[in-house]
């Protein structure tokens, strides 16, 4: 069974919120597999740094998923 990530805290900026939603849609296991396949060293560092349901891990997974899918937008867009 695919586990999903915990709910995103309200104080996270919109840049991460969109990609976090993508990770939740995929499910954590699928997102982790995608990251391991594409960015093994970075994914390993992130996945081993935080407990499974801590928000920072979800945010990091979401950001990397956005980069992998080439849908990440510049953070400056959200800092107007």
C-alpha atoms as a PDB file:
ATOM      1  CA  UNK A   1       0.000   0.000   0.000  1.00  0.00           C
ATOM      2  CA  UNK A   2       1.301   3.452  -0.916  1.00  0.00           C
ATOM      3  CA  UNK A   3       1.608   5.849   2.010  1.00  0.00           C
ATOM      4  CA  UNK A   4       0.981   9.554   1.549  1.00  0.00           C
ATOM      5  CA  UNK A   5       2.829  12.440   3.135  1.00  0.00           C
ATOM      6  CA  UNK A   6       1.533  14.334   6.111  1.00  0.00           C
ATOM      7  CA  UNK A   7      -0.405  17.567   5.691  1.00  0.00           C
ATOM      8  CA  UNK A   8       1.665  20.563   4.669  1.00  0.00           C
ATOM      9  CA  UNK A   9       2.003  23.260   7.345  1.00  0.00           C
ATOM     10  CA  UNK A  10       0.243  26.552   6.555  1.00  0.00           C
ATOM     11  CA  UNK A  11       3.427  28.632   6.755  1.00  0.00           C
ATOM     12  CA  UNK A  12       5.122  26.994   3.762  1.00  0.00           C
ATOM     13  CA  UNK A  13       5.435  29.246   0.722  1.00  0.00           C
ATOM     14  CA  UNK A  14       3.359  28.548  -2.434  1.00  0.00           C
ATOM     15  CA  UNK A  15       6.413  27.418  -4.424  1.00  0.00           C
ATOM     16  CA  UNK A  16       6.708  24.317  -2.255  1.00  0.00           C
ATOM     17  CA  UNK A  17       2.962  23.894  -1.749  1.00  0.00           C
ATOM     18  CA  UNK A  18       2.297  23.003  -5.408  1.00  0.00           C
ATOM     19  CA  UNK A  19       5.022  20.379  -5.623  1.00  0.00           C
ATOM     20  CA  UNK A  20       4.141  19.021  -2.198  1.00  0.00           C
ATOM     21  CA  UNK A  21       0.651  18.379  -3.547  1.00  0.00           C
ATOM     22  CA  UNK A  22       2.210  16.459  -6.457  1.00  0.00           C
ATOM     23  CA  UNK A  23       4.133  14.273  -4.033  1.00  0.00           C
ATOM     24  CA  UNK A  24       0.982  13.605  -2.005  1.00  0.00           C
ATOM     25  CA  UNK A  25      -0.829  12.643  -5.221  1.00  0.00           C
ATOM     26  CA  UNK A  26       1.948  10.226  -6.185  1.00  0.00           C
ATOM     27  CA  UNK A  27       2.309   8.818  -2.715  1.00  0.00           C
ATOM     28  CA  UNK A  28       5.503   8.961  -0.725  1.00  0.00           C
ATOM     29  CA  UNK A  29       6.860   5.610  -1.864  1.00  0.00           C
ATOM     30  CA  UNK A  30       6.491   6.461  -5.549  1.00  0.00           C
ATOM     31  CA  UNK A  31       7.994   9.913  -5.039  1.00  0.00           C
ATOM     32  CA  UNK A  32      10.953   8.440  -3.181  1.00  0.00           C
ATOM     33  CA  UNK A  33      11.501   5.876  -5.950  1.00  0.00           C
ATOM     34  CA  UNK A  34      11.401   8.621  -8.578  1.00  0.00           C
ATOM     35  CA  UNK A  35      13.979  10.642  -6.665  1.00  0.00           C
ATOM     36  CA  UNK A  36      16.241   7.648  -6.021  1.00  0.00           C
ATOM     37  CA  UNK A  37      16.213   6.742  -9.710  1.00  0.00           C
ATOM     38  CA  UNK A  38      17.013  10.275 -10.895  1.00  0.00           C
ATOM     39  CA  UNK A  39      19.067  11.815  -8.093  1.00  0.00           C
ATOM     40  CA  UNK A  40      20.367   8.946  -5.924  1.00  0.00           C
ATOM     41  CA  UNK A  41      22.887  10.911  -3.847  1.00  0.00           C
ATOM     42  CA  UNK A  42      20.608  13.862  -3.146  1.00  0.00           C
ATOM     43  CA  UNK A  43      17.606  11.641  -2.486  1.00  0.00           C
ATOM     44  CA  UNK A  44      19.600   9.465  -0.126  1.00  0.00           C
ATOM     45  CA  UNK A  45      20.744  12.475   1.882  1.00  0.00           C
ATOM     46  CA  UNK A  46      17.199  13.822   2.160  1.00  0.00           C
ATOM     47  CA  UNK A  47      15.506  10.521   2.867  1.00  0.00           C
ATOM     48  CA  UNK A  48      17.986   9.623   5.587  1.00  0.00           C
ATOM     49  CA  UNK A  49      17.947  13.058   7.242  1.00  0.00           C
ATOM     50  CA  UNK A  50      14.364  13.249   8.538  1.00  0.00           C
ATOM     51  CA  UNK A  51      11.825  10.871  10.096  1.00  0.00           C
ATOM     52  CA  UNK A  52       9.199   9.657   7.575  1.00  0.00           C
ATOM     53  CA  UNK A  53       6.416  12.162   8.279  1.00  0.00           C
ATOM     54  CA  UNK A  54       8.319  15.301   9.251  1.00  0.00           C
ATOM     55  CA  UNK A  55       7.318  18.310   7.091  1.00  0.00           C
ATOM     56  CA  UNK A  56      10.882  19.268   5.998  1.00  0.00           C
ATOM     57  CA  UNK A  57      11.313  15.893   4.324  1.00  0.00           C
ATOM     58  CA  UNK A  58       8.039  16.326   2.466  1.00  0.00           C
ATOM     59  CA  UNK A  59       9.014  19.811   1.372  1.00  0.00           C
ATOM     60  CA  UNK A  60      12.404  18.600   0.136  1.00  0.00           C
ATOM     61  CA  UNK A  61      10.808  15.702  -1.738  1.00  0.00           C
ATOM     62  CA  UNK A  62       8.296  18.093  -3.260  1.00  0.00           C
ATOM     63  CA  UNK A  63      10.973  20.545  -4.386  1.00  0.00           C
ATOM     64  CA  UNK A  64      13.066  17.833  -6.000  1.00  0.00           C
ATOM     65  CA  UNK A  65      10.015  16.337  -7.654  1.00  0.00           C
ATOM     66  CA  UNK A  66       9.323  19.762  -9.160  1.00  0.00           C
ATOM     67  CA  UNK A  67      12.878  19.949 -10.484  1.00  0.00           C
ATOM     68  CA  UNK A  68      12.700  16.445 -11.927  1.00  0.00           C
ATOM     69  CA  UNK A  69       9.411  17.167 -13.668  1.00  0.00           C
ATOM     70  CA  UNK A  70      10.827  20.486 -14.981  1.00  0.00           C
ATOM     71  CA  UNK A  71       7.816  22.288 -13.579  1.00  0.00           C
ATOM     72  CA  UNK A  72       9.595  24.137 -10.804  1.00  0.00           C
ATOM     73  CA  UNK A  73       9.220  27.880 -11.006  1.00  0.00           C
ATOM     74  CA  UNK A  74      11.715  30.443  -9.716  1.00  0.00           C
ATOM     75  CA  UNK A  75      11.225  31.199  -6.038  1.00  0.00           C
ATOM     76  CA  UNK A  76      11.449  34.911  -6.896  1.00  0.00           C
ATOM     77  CA  UNK A  77       8.013  34.656  -8.520  1.00  0.00           C
ATOM     78  CA  UNK A  78       6.497  34.066  -5.085  1.00  0.00           C
ATOM     79  CA  UNK A  79       8.423  36.883  -3.393  1.00  0.00           C
ATOM     80  CA  UNK A  80       6.705  39.843  -5.023  1.00  0.00           C
END
